Amino acid sequence: MNFIVNKLVCHAETNLKLSRFEAAKLRYMFELIFLNVAEFIIIAIFFAFIGRTTEFLVSAGVLLSVRLFSGGFHLKKFRYCFILTFVIFVAVILVLPDISNIYIVMEVLLLISVLLTAVLAPVSKRNAAHTIKNNLTLKAVSVVILLAHSFWILSIRVDPYASIATWMVFVQSVQLLIGKGLQKGK
């Protein structure tokens, strides 16, 4: 991975005339992309192996579409991030849907998720600079995406997908709560 990242950054430095700071930011971005792709592939292989590929893709699609705009808390080490992500997907796909797939519970979880996101989003790394306008835009997009997911979930009522999507949305909103708490603690 380092070889590919180094080549990409070197190419960008040469052709785009980047400063050292810009090159370092670009390197970090490429590393994150490669690590997230590797994480996604490893977890996808696990769920394919146990015959739950569709459930994984549904939950990953919901998580990515919401987290992209709402953010969440971040762990500093790849292995911890991978373990947490893996545990979340296992819980959302294999454990939580069996606990409750009652329609009223899904409605309550979705309502809590929308409210938490409306209040807390976006949660980003401490060094990420966002303007108030940008924060409001990210918050609005996050809430709109959550409302769209909620409408989809409540209209399809197809288990296990509705239940999995509901739990993923809820877990993501809890991550916002944790992330905001960690930000205030620093």
N, C-alpha and C. Protein backbone atom coordinates (compact mmCIF):
# COMPACT_ATOMS: atom_id res chain seq x y z
N MET A 1 0.82 -1.19 0.00
CA MET A 1 0.00 0.00 0.00
C MET A 1 0.87 1.26 0.00
N ASN A 2 1.92 1.27 0.82
CA ASN A 2 2.78 2.46 0.89
C ASN A 2 3.40 2.79 -0.46
N PHE A 3 3.73 1.75 -1.23
CA PHE A 3 4.31 1.97 -2.55
C PHE A 3 3.34 2.74 -3.44
N ILE A 4 2.09 2.30 -3.44
CA ILE A 4 1.07 2.95 -4.28
C ILE A 4 0.82 4.38 -3.80
N VAL A 5 0.68 4.56 -2.49
CA VAL A 5 0.44 5.89 -1.94
C VAL A 5 1.60 6.81 -2.28
N ASN A 6 2.84 6.32 -2.10
CA ASN A 6 4.02 7.14 -2.41
C ASN A 6 4.04 7.55 -3.87
N LYS A 7 3.72 6.62 -4.76
CA LYS A 7 3.69 6.93 -6.21
C LYS A 7 2.63 7.99 -6.51
N LEU A 8 1.44 7.83 -5.94
CA LEU A 8 0.37 8.79 -6.19
C LEU A 8 0.73 10.18 -5.67
N VAL A 9 1.28 10.25 -4.48
CA VAL A 9 1.65 11.54 -3.89
C VAL A 9 2.80 12.16 -4.66
N CYS A 10 3.77 11.35 -5.04
CA CYS A 10 4.91 11.86 -5.83
C CYS A 10 4.42 12.44 -7.16
N HIS A 11 3.52 11.72 -7.80
CA HIS A 11 2.95 12.19 -9.07
C HIS A 11 2.20 13.51 -8.87
N ALA A 12 1.42 13.59 -7.81
CA ALA A 12 0.66 14.81 -7.53
C ALA A 12 1.60 15.97 -7.18
N GLU A 13 2.63 15.70 -6.40
CA GLU A 13 3.59 16.76 -6.03
C GLU A 13 4.25 17.34 -7.27
N THR A 14 4.63 16.45 -8.17
CA THR A 14 5.32 16.88 -9.38
C THR A 14 4.40 17.66 -10.31
N ASN A 15 3.23 17.10 -10.57
CA ASN A 15 2.34 17.69 -11.56
C ASN A 15 1.49 18.85 -11.03
N LEU A 16 1.18 18.84 -9.75
CA LEU A 16 0.32 19.88 -9.19
C LEU A 16 1.10 20.90 -8.37
N LYS A 17 2.39 20.66 -8.22
CA LYS A 17 3.26 21.58 -7.48
C LYS A 17 2.72 21.83 -6.06
N LEU A 18 2.53 20.73 -5.32
CA LEU A 18 1.99 20.81 -3.97
C LEU A 18 3.06 21.21 -2.97
N SER A 19 2.64 21.91 -1.93
CA SER A 19 3.55 22.20 -0.82
C SER A 19 3.71 20.93 0.01
N ARG A 20 4.65 20.94 0.95
CA ARG A 20 4.85 19.76 1.81
C ARG A 20 3.59 19.48 2.62
N PHE A 21 2.97 20.54 3.11
CA PHE A 21 1.74 20.39 3.89
C PHE A 21 0.63 19.76 3.05
N GLU A 22 0.45 20.26 1.82
CA GLU A 22 -0.57 19.72 0.93
C GLU A 22 -0.27 18.27 0.58
N ALA A 23 0.99 17.96 0.35
CA ALA A 23 1.39 16.58 0.05
C ALA A 23 1.12 15.66 1.24
N ALA A 24 1.37 16.15 2.45
CA ALA A 24 1.12 15.35 3.65
C ALA A 24 -0.38 15.09 3.82
N LYS A 25 -1.20 16.11 3.57
CA LYS A 25 -2.65 15.93 3.64
C LYS A 25 -3.12 14.92 2.59
N LEU A 26 -2.55 15.02 1.38
CA LEU A 26 -2.92 14.10 0.31
C LEU A 26 -2.51 12.67 0.67
N ARG A 27 -1.32 12.51 1.23
CA ARG A 27 -0.85 11.19 1.65
C ARG A 27 -1.81 10.59 2.68
N TYR A 28 -2.19 11.41 3.66
CA TYR A 28 -3.11 10.95 4.70
C TYR A 28 -4.45 10.53 4.09
N MET A 29 -4.95 11.32 3.15
CA MET A 29 -6.22 11.00 2.50
C MET A 29 -6.13 9.67 1.74
N PHE A 30 -5.05 9.48 0.99
CA PHE A 30 -4.88 8.23 0.25
C PHE A 30 -4.76 7.04 1.20
N GLU A 31 -4.02 7.21 2.29
CA GLU A 31 -3.89 6.13 3.26
C GLU A 31 -5.24 5.76 3.85
N LEU A 32 -6.04 6.76 4.19
CA LEU A 32 -7.38 6.49 4.72
C LEU A 32 -8.25 5.75 3.71
N ILE A 33 -8.19 6.19 2.47
CA ILE A 33 -8.98 5.53 1.43
C ILE A 33 -8.58 4.07 1.29
N PHE A 34 -7.28 3.81 1.21
CA PHE A 34 -6.82 2.43 1.06
C PHE A 34 -7.17 1.58 2.28
N LEU A 35 -7.01 2.12 3.47
CA LEU A 35 -7.35 1.36 4.68
C LEU A 35 -8.84 1.08 4.75
N ASN A 36 -9.68 2.06 4.40
CA ASN A 36 -11.13 1.85 4.42
C ASN A 36 -11.56 0.83 3.37
N VAL A 37 -10.94 0.87 2.21
CA VAL A 37 -11.26 -0.12 1.18
C VAL A 37 -10.84 -1.51 1.64
N ALA A 38 -9.65 -1.61 2.24
CA ALA A 38 -9.18 -2.91 2.74
C ALA A 38 -10.13 -3.44 3.83
N GLU A 39 -10.52 -2.56 4.73
CA GLU A 39 -11.46 -2.92 5.79
C GLU A 39 -12.77 -3.42 5.20
N PHE A 40 -13.30 -2.70 4.23
CA PHE A 40 -14.55 -3.06 3.58
C PHE A 40 -14.44 -4.44 2.92
N ILE A 41 -13.35 -4.67 2.21
CA ILE A 41 -13.17 -5.95 1.50
C ILE A 41 -13.07 -7.11 2.48
N ILE A 42 -12.31 -6.94 3.55
CA ILE A 42 -12.15 -8.02 4.53
C ILE A 42 -13.48 -8.35 5.18
N ILE A 43 -14.22 -7.34 5.58
CA ILE A 43 -15.52 -7.58 6.22
C ILE A 43 -16.51 -8.16 5.21
N ALA A 44 -16.47 -7.69 3.98
CA ALA A 44 -17.35 -8.23 2.93
C ALA A 44 -17.06 -9.71 2.69
N ILE A 45 -15.79 -10.08 2.70
CA ILE A 45 -15.43 -11.50 2.51
C ILE A 45 -16.00 -12.34 3.65
N PHE A 46 -15.89 -11.83 4.87
CA PHE A 46 -16.46 -12.56 6.02
C PHE A 46 -17.95 -12.80 5.82
N PHE A 47 -18.69 -11.75 5.47
CA PHE A 47 -20.13 -11.90 5.33
C PHE A 47 -20.51 -12.73 4.09
N ALA A 48 -19.70 -12.68 3.07
CA ALA A 48 -19.92 -13.55 1.90
C ALA A 48 -19.71 -15.01 2.31
N PHE A 49 -18.70 -15.25 3.11
CA PHE A 49 -18.37 -16.61 3.57
C PHE A 49 -19.52 -17.20 4.39
N ILE A 50 -20.21 -16.37 5.19
CA ILE A 50 -21.32 -16.90 6.00
C ILE A 50 -22.68 -16.73 5.31
N GLY A 51 -22.65 -16.29 4.05
CA GLY A 51 -23.89 -16.20 3.28
C GLY A 51 -24.76 -15.00 3.59
N ARG A 52 -24.16 -13.91 4.03
CA ARG A 52 -24.93 -12.70 4.37
C ARG A 52 -24.45 -11.48 3.57
N THR A 53 -24.10 -11.69 2.32
CA THR A 53 -23.58 -10.60 1.48
C THR A 53 -24.60 -9.49 1.30
N THR A 54 -25.84 -9.82 0.99
CA THR A 54 -26.87 -8.80 0.75
C THR A 54 -27.10 -7.97 2.01
N GLU A 55 -27.16 -8.63 3.15
CA GLU A 55 -27.36 -7.91 4.41
C GLU A 55 -26.19 -6.96 4.67
N PHE A 56 -24.97 -7.42 4.37
CA PHE A 56 -23.80 -6.57 4.55
C PHE A 56 -23.87 -5.36 3.62
N LEU A 57 -24.22 -5.59 2.37
CA LEU A 57 -24.28 -4.48 1.41
C LEU A 57 -25.36 -3.46 1.80
N VAL A 58 -26.49 -3.94 2.29
CA VAL A 58 -27.55 -3.02 2.73
C VAL A 58 -27.04 -2.18 3.90
N SER A 59 -26.47 -2.84 4.90
CA SER A 59 -26.00 -2.10 6.08
C SER A 59 -24.84 -1.18 5.74
N ALA A 60 -23.94 -1.62 4.88
CA ALA A 60 -22.81 -0.77 4.48
C ALA A 60 -23.29 0.44 3.69
N GLY A 61 -24.25 0.23 2.81
CA GLY A 61 -24.80 1.35 2.03
C GLY A 61 -25.47 2.38 2.92
N VAL A 62 -26.22 1.92 3.90
CA VAL A 62 -26.88 2.83 4.83
C VAL A 62 -25.82 3.58 5.64
N LEU A 63 -24.86 2.84 6.19
CA LEU A 63 -23.83 3.48 7.01
C LEU A 63 -23.02 4.50 6.23
N LEU A 64 -22.57 4.12 5.05
CA LEU A 64 -21.73 5.04 4.26
C LEU A 64 -22.49 6.29 3.86
N SER A 65 -23.74 6.13 3.46
CA SER A 65 -24.50 7.30 3.01
C SER A 65 -24.76 8.29 4.14
N VAL A 66 -24.92 7.78 5.36
CA VAL A 66 -25.19 8.67 6.49
C VAL A 66 -23.88 9.21 7.07
N ARG A 67 -22.91 8.33 7.28
CA ARG A 67 -21.66 8.71 7.95
C ARG A 67 -20.85 9.71 7.12
N LEU A 68 -20.97 9.63 5.83
CA LEU A 68 -20.24 10.54 4.95
C LEU A 68 -20.54 12.00 5.30
N PHE A 69 -21.76 12.30 5.67
CA PHE A 69 -22.16 13.67 5.97
C PHE A 69 -22.27 13.97 7.46
N SER A 70 -22.62 12.96 8.27
CA SER A 70 -22.80 13.22 9.70
C SER A 70 -21.53 13.01 10.50
N GLY A 71 -20.60 12.24 9.96
CA GLY A 71 -19.36 11.98 10.68
C GLY A 71 -19.55 10.94 11.76
N GLY A 72 -18.70 10.99 12.76
CA GLY A 72 -18.73 10.02 13.84
C GLY A 72 -17.43 10.10 14.60
N PHE A 73 -17.25 9.20 15.54
CA PHE A 73 -15.98 9.24 16.24
C PHE A 73 -14.96 8.38 15.50
N HIS A 74 -13.70 8.75 15.65
CA HIS A 74 -12.63 8.09 14.91
C HIS A 74 -11.60 7.53 15.89
N LEU A 75 -11.11 6.36 15.58
CA LEU A 75 -10.05 5.75 16.38
C LEU A 75 -8.72 5.98 15.67
N LYS A 76 -7.66 6.10 16.45
CA LYS A 76 -6.37 6.46 15.88
C LYS A 76 -5.65 5.31 15.20
N LYS A 77 -5.89 4.10 15.62
CA LYS A 77 -5.19 2.94 15.06
C LYS A 77 -6.13 2.14 14.16
N PHE A 78 -5.59 1.69 13.02
CA PHE A 78 -6.38 0.94 12.06
C PHE A 78 -6.98 -0.31 12.69
N ARG A 79 -6.19 -1.04 13.47
CA ARG A 79 -6.69 -2.31 14.02
C ARG A 79 -7.88 -2.10 14.94
N TYR A 80 -7.86 -1.01 15.73
CA TYR A 80 -8.99 -0.73 16.62
C TYR A 80 -10.21 -0.32 15.82
N CYS A 81 -9.97 0.47 14.80
CA CYS A 81 -11.06 0.88 13.91
C CYS A 81 -11.68 -0.33 13.22
N PHE A 82 -10.82 -1.22 12.74
CA PHE A 82 -11.29 -2.43 12.07
C PHE A 82 -12.10 -3.30 13.03
N ILE A 83 -11.59 -3.50 14.24
CA ILE A 83 -12.30 -4.33 15.21
C ILE A 83 -13.66 -3.73 15.55
N LEU A 84 -13.69 -2.42 15.80
CA LEU A 84 -14.96 -1.77 16.12
C LEU A 84 -15.94 -1.87 14.94
N THR A 85 -15.46 -1.60 13.75
CA THR A 85 -16.32 -1.69 12.56
C THR A 85 -16.85 -3.10 12.38
N PHE A 86 -15.98 -4.09 12.55
CA PHE A 86 -16.38 -5.49 12.42
C PHE A 86 -17.45 -5.84 13.46
N VAL A 87 -17.23 -5.44 14.70
CA VAL A 87 -18.19 -5.72 15.77
C VAL A 87 -19.54 -5.04 15.48
N ILE A 88 -19.49 -3.82 14.98
CA ILE A 88 -20.74 -3.12 14.64
C ILE A 88 -21.50 -3.87 13.56
N PHE A 89 -20.81 -4.27 12.49
CA PHE A 89 -21.50 -5.00 11.42
C PHE A 89 -22.04 -6.34 11.91
N VAL A 90 -21.27 -7.07 12.71
CA VAL A 90 -21.75 -8.34 13.25
C VAL A 90 -22.99 -8.10 14.11
N ALA A 91 -22.93 -7.10 14.97
CA ALA A 91 -24.08 -6.80 15.83
C ALA A 91 -25.30 -6.42 15.01
N VAL A 92 -25.12 -5.53 14.04
CA VAL A 92 -26.25 -5.03 13.25
C VAL A 92 -26.85 -6.12 12.36
N ILE A 93 -26.03 -7.00 11.85
CA ILE A 93 -26.52 -8.01 10.90
C ILE A 93 -26.94 -9.31 11.60
N LEU A 94 -26.18 -9.72 12.60
CA LEU A 94 -26.41 -11.05 13.16
C LEU A 94 -27.10 -11.05 14.53
N VAL A 95 -27.00 -9.98 15.30
CA VAL A 95 -27.52 -10.00 16.67
C VAL A 95 -28.75 -9.12 16.84
N LEU A 96 -28.62 -7.84 16.56
CA LEU A 96 -29.70 -6.88 16.87
C LEU A 96 -31.02 -7.15 16.16
N PRO A 97 -31.04 -7.55 14.88
CA PRO A 97 -32.35 -7.80 14.26
C PRO A 97 -33.16 -8.88 14.96
N ASP A 98 -32.48 -9.82 15.62
CA ASP A 98 -33.20 -10.88 16.34
C ASP A 98 -33.77 -10.39 17.67
N ILE A 99 -33.17 -9.33 18.20
CA ILE A 99 -33.65 -8.79 19.47
C ILE A 99 -35.00 -8.13 19.29
N SER A 100 -35.11 -7.31 18.24
CA SER A 100 -36.38 -6.64 18.03
C SER A 100 -36.53 -6.24 16.57
N ASN A 101 -37.54 -6.76 15.95
CA ASN A 101 -37.90 -6.30 14.61
C ASN A 101 -39.37 -5.88 14.59
N ILE A 102 -39.83 -5.41 15.75
CA ILE A 102 -41.20 -4.93 15.88
C ILE A 102 -41.29 -3.54 15.26
N TYR A 103 -42.31 -3.32 14.50
CA TYR A 103 -42.46 -2.09 13.72
C TYR A 103 -42.40 -0.84 14.59
N ILE A 104 -43.06 -0.83 15.73
CA ILE A 104 -43.07 0.37 16.58
C ILE A 104 -41.68 0.64 17.14
N VAL A 105 -40.92 -0.41 17.43
CA VAL A 105 -39.55 -0.23 17.92
C VAL A 105 -38.70 0.40 16.83
N MET A 106 -38.89 -0.04 15.59
CA MET A 106 -38.14 0.55 14.47
C MET A 106 -38.50 2.03 14.34
N GLU A 107 -39.77 2.38 14.47
CA GLU A 107 -40.17 3.79 14.40
C GLU A 107 -39.50 4.62 15.48
N VAL A 108 -39.46 4.11 16.70
CA VAL A 108 -38.85 4.83 17.82
C VAL A 108 -37.34 4.97 17.59
N LEU A 109 -36.69 3.90 17.18
CA LEU A 109 -35.24 3.96 16.92
C LEU A 109 -34.92 4.97 15.81
N LEU A 110 -35.73 4.99 14.77
CA LEU A 110 -35.50 5.94 13.67
C LEU A 110 -35.73 7.37 14.14
N LEU A 111 -36.76 7.59 14.93
CA LEU A 111 -37.03 8.93 15.46
C LEU A 111 -35.87 9.42 16.33
N ILE A 112 -35.40 8.55 17.22
CA ILE A 112 -34.25 8.90 18.06
C ILE A 112 -33.04 9.21 17.20
N SER A 113 -32.83 8.42 16.17
CA SER A 113 -31.68 8.61 15.28
C SER A 113 -31.74 9.95 14.56
N VAL A 114 -32.91 10.29 14.04
CA VAL A 114 -33.07 11.57 13.34
C VAL A 114 -32.84 12.73 14.30
N LEU A 115 -33.40 12.64 15.51
CA LEU A 115 -33.23 13.71 16.49
C LEU A 115 -31.77 13.86 16.92
N LEU A 116 -31.09 12.74 17.20
CA LEU A 116 -29.68 12.81 17.57
C LEU A 116 -28.84 13.41 16.45
N THR A 117 -29.12 13.02 15.23
CA THR A 117 -28.36 13.54 14.09
C THR A 117 -28.64 15.02 13.90
N ALA A 118 -29.90 15.42 14.05
CA ALA A 118 -30.24 16.84 13.89
C ALA A 118 -29.54 17.70 14.94
N VAL A 119 -29.36 17.18 16.12
CA VAL A 119 -28.72 17.94 17.19
C VAL A 119 -27.19 17.85 17.13
N LEU A 120 -26.65 16.67 16.84
CA LEU A 120 -25.21 16.44 17.00
C LEU A 120 -24.37 16.55 15.74
N ALA A 121 -24.93 16.26 14.59
CA ALA A 121 -24.13 16.23 13.36
C ALA A 121 -23.70 17.63 12.96
N PRO A 122 -22.61 17.76 12.30
CA PRO A 122 -21.60 16.74 12.01
C PRO A 122 -20.58 16.62 13.14
N VAL A 123 -20.06 15.42 13.31
CA VAL A 123 -18.98 15.16 14.25
C VAL A 123 -17.77 14.78 13.41
N SER A 124 -16.74 15.59 13.51
CA SER A 124 -15.53 15.32 12.73
C SER A 124 -14.32 15.33 13.63
N LYS A 125 -13.19 14.98 13.04
CA LYS A 125 -11.96 15.02 13.80
C LYS A 125 -11.72 16.44 14.29
N ARG A 126 -11.05 16.55 15.38
CA ARG A 126 -10.84 17.84 16.01
C ARG A 126 -10.13 18.83 15.10
N ASN A 127 -9.22 18.35 14.26
CA ASN A 127 -8.45 19.27 13.41
C ASN A 127 -9.15 19.60 12.09
N ALA A 128 -10.35 19.06 11.89
CA ALA A 128 -11.09 19.38 10.66
C ALA A 128 -11.79 20.72 10.84
N ALA A 129 -11.45 21.64 9.97
CA ALA A 129 -12.03 22.99 10.08
C ALA A 129 -13.28 23.08 9.21
N HIS A 130 -14.40 23.34 9.85
CA HIS A 130 -15.66 23.53 9.14
C HIS A 130 -16.23 24.88 9.53
N THR A 131 -16.76 25.56 8.55
CA THR A 131 -17.45 26.81 8.85
C THR A 131 -18.84 26.50 9.39
N ILE A 132 -19.47 27.48 9.99
CA ILE A 132 -20.83 27.28 10.50
C ILE A 132 -21.76 26.92 9.35
N LYS A 133 -21.60 27.59 8.21
CA LYS A 133 -22.44 27.30 7.05
C LYS A 133 -22.22 25.86 6.57
N ASN A 134 -20.96 25.44 6.54
CA ASN A 134 -20.65 24.07 6.12
C ASN A 134 -21.25 23.06 7.11
N ASN A 135 -21.14 23.35 8.41
CA ASN A 135 -21.73 22.46 9.42
C ASN A 135 -23.24 22.34 9.24
N LEU A 136 -23.90 23.47 8.99
CA LEU A 136 -25.35 23.43 8.79
C LEU A 136 -25.72 22.65 7.54
N THR A 137 -24.92 22.79 6.50
CA THR A 137 -25.16 22.03 5.27
C THR A 137 -24.99 20.54 5.52
N LEU A 138 -23.91 20.15 6.20
CA LEU A 138 -23.69 18.74 6.52
C LEU A 138 -24.81 18.19 7.40
N LYS A 139 -25.23 18.97 8.37
CA LYS A 139 -26.33 18.57 9.25
C LYS A 139 -27.62 18.37 8.44
N ALA A 140 -27.93 19.33 7.57
CA ALA A 140 -29.16 19.24 6.77
C ALA A 140 -29.13 18.03 5.84
N VAL A 141 -28.01 17.82 5.18
CA VAL A 141 -27.89 16.66 4.27
C VAL A 141 -28.02 15.37 5.07
N SER A 142 -27.38 15.30 6.25
CA SER A 142 -27.47 14.11 7.10
C SER A 142 -28.92 13.81 7.48
N VAL A 143 -29.64 14.84 7.88
CA VAL A 143 -31.03 14.65 8.30
C VAL A 143 -31.90 14.24 7.11
N VAL A 144 -31.69 14.85 5.96
CA VAL A 144 -32.46 14.48 4.77
C VAL A 144 -32.20 13.03 4.38
N ILE A 145 -30.94 12.62 4.42
CA ILE A 145 -30.61 11.22 4.11
C ILE A 145 -31.26 10.28 5.12
N LEU A 146 -31.21 10.64 6.39
CA LEU A 146 -31.85 9.81 7.42
C LEU A 146 -33.36 9.74 7.22
N LEU A 147 -33.98 10.86 6.88
CA LEU A 147 -35.42 10.84 6.63
C LEU A 147 -35.76 9.97 5.42
N ALA A 148 -34.93 10.05 4.38
CA ALA A 148 -35.14 9.19 3.20
C ALA A 148 -35.00 7.72 3.58
N HIS A 149 -33.96 7.40 4.35
CA HIS A 149 -33.80 6.01 4.81
C HIS A 149 -34.99 5.59 5.67
N SER A 150 -35.43 6.48 6.55
CA SER A 150 -36.55 6.15 7.42
C SER A 150 -37.81 5.86 6.61
N PHE A 151 -38.07 6.70 5.61
CA PHE A 151 -39.23 6.48 4.75
C PHE A 151 -39.12 5.13 4.04
N TRP A 152 -37.92 4.86 3.50
CA TRP A 152 -37.68 3.58 2.81
C TRP A 152 -37.87 2.41 3.75
N ILE A 153 -37.27 2.49 4.93
CA ILE A 153 -37.34 1.40 5.91
C ILE A 153 -38.78 1.15 6.33
N LEU A 154 -39.51 2.21 6.65
CA LEU A 154 -40.87 2.04 7.14
C LEU A 154 -41.84 1.64 6.04
N SER A 155 -41.48 1.92 4.79
CA SER A 155 -42.38 1.53 3.70
C SER A 155 -42.12 0.11 3.22
N ILE A 156 -40.88 -0.38 3.30
CA ILE A 156 -40.63 -1.73 2.79
C ILE A 156 -41.02 -2.81 3.77
N ARG A 157 -40.77 -2.54 5.05
CA ARG A 157 -41.11 -3.52 6.10
C ARG A 157 -40.64 -4.92 5.77
N VAL A 158 -39.58 -5.04 5.02
CA VAL A 158 -39.05 -6.35 4.64
C VAL A 158 -37.92 -6.70 5.58
N ASP A 159 -38.15 -7.71 6.37
CA ASP A 159 -37.08 -8.18 7.23
C ASP A 159 -36.28 -9.23 6.49
N PRO A 160 -35.00 -9.27 6.65
CA PRO A 160 -34.24 -8.59 7.69
C PRO A 160 -33.75 -7.20 7.30
N TYR A 161 -33.99 -6.78 6.05
CA TYR A 161 -33.36 -5.54 5.57
C TYR A 161 -33.84 -4.29 6.31
N ALA A 162 -35.11 -4.18 6.58
CA ALA A 162 -35.62 -3.01 7.30
C ALA A 162 -35.04 -2.97 8.70
N SER A 163 -34.99 -4.11 9.36
CA SER A 163 -34.44 -4.17 10.71
C SER A 163 -32.94 -3.87 10.72
N ILE A 164 -32.20 -4.41 9.78
CA ILE A 164 -30.76 -4.17 9.68
C ILE A 164 -30.49 -2.69 9.41
N ALA A 165 -31.22 -2.11 8.49
CA ALA A 165 -31.03 -0.70 8.16
C ALA A 165 -31.39 0.18 9.37
N THR A 166 -32.45 -0.16 10.07
CA THR A 166 -32.84 0.60 11.27
C THR A 166 -31.74 0.56 12.31
N TRP A 167 -31.23 -0.62 12.58
CA TRP A 167 -30.18 -0.75 13.59
C TRP A 167 -28.90 -0.03 13.17
N MET A 168 -28.57 -0.07 11.89
CA MET A 168 -27.36 0.61 11.44
C MET A 168 -27.51 2.12 11.61
N VAL A 169 -28.67 2.65 11.27
CA VAL A 169 -28.94 4.08 11.45
C VAL A 169 -28.83 4.44 12.93
N PHE A 170 -29.41 3.61 13.79
CA PHE A 170 -29.38 3.88 15.22
C PHE A 170 -27.95 3.81 15.78
N VAL A 171 -27.22 2.79 15.39
CA VAL A 171 -25.83 2.66 15.86
C VAL A 171 -25.00 3.86 15.40
N GLN A 172 -25.23 4.32 14.17
CA GLN A 172 -24.51 5.49 13.68
C GLN A 172 -24.85 6.72 14.50
N SER A 173 -26.10 6.89 14.89
CA SER A 173 -26.47 8.05 15.70
C SER A 173 -25.86 7.96 17.10
N VAL A 174 -25.73 6.75 17.62
CA VAL A 174 -25.05 6.57 18.91
C VAL A 174 -23.57 6.92 18.78
N GLN A 175 -22.97 6.59 17.63
CA GLN A 175 -21.58 6.97 17.39
C GLN A 175 -21.43 8.50 17.39
N LEU A 176 -22.42 9.20 16.88
CA LEU A 176 -22.39 10.66 16.93
C LEU A 176 -22.38 11.14 18.37
N LEU A 177 -23.20 10.53 19.19
CA LEU A 177 -23.28 10.88 20.60
C LEU A 177 -21.93 10.65 21.28
N ILE A 178 -21.32 9.52 21.03
CA ILE A 178 -20.01 9.21 21.59
C ILE A 178 -18.97 10.18 21.07
N GLY A 179 -18.97 10.41 19.75
CA GLY A 179 -18.01 11.33 19.14
C GLY A 179 -18.12 12.74 19.69
N LYS A 180 -19.33 13.24 19.87
CA LYS A 180 -19.53 14.57 20.43
C LYS A 180 -19.05 14.62 21.88
N GLY A 181 -19.32 13.54 22.62
CA GLY A 181 -18.86 13.47 24.00
C GLY A 181 -17.34 13.47 24.08
N LEU A 182 -16.69 12.75 23.17
CA LEU A 182 -15.23 12.72 23.16
C LEU A 182 -14.66 14.09 22.78
N GLN A 183 -15.32 14.79 21.86
CA GLN A 183 -14.87 16.12 21.47
C GLN A 183 -14.94 17.08 22.66
N LYS A 184 -16.02 17.02 23.41
CA LYS A 184 -16.19 17.93 24.56
C LYS A 184 -15.21 17.59 25.67
N GLY A 185 -14.81 16.32 25.75
CA GLY A 185 -13.89 15.89 26.78
C GLY A 185 -12.45 16.33 26.54
N LYS A 186 -12.16 16.79 25.33
CA LYS A 186 -10.78 17.19 24.99
C LYS A 186 -10.55 18.65 25.24
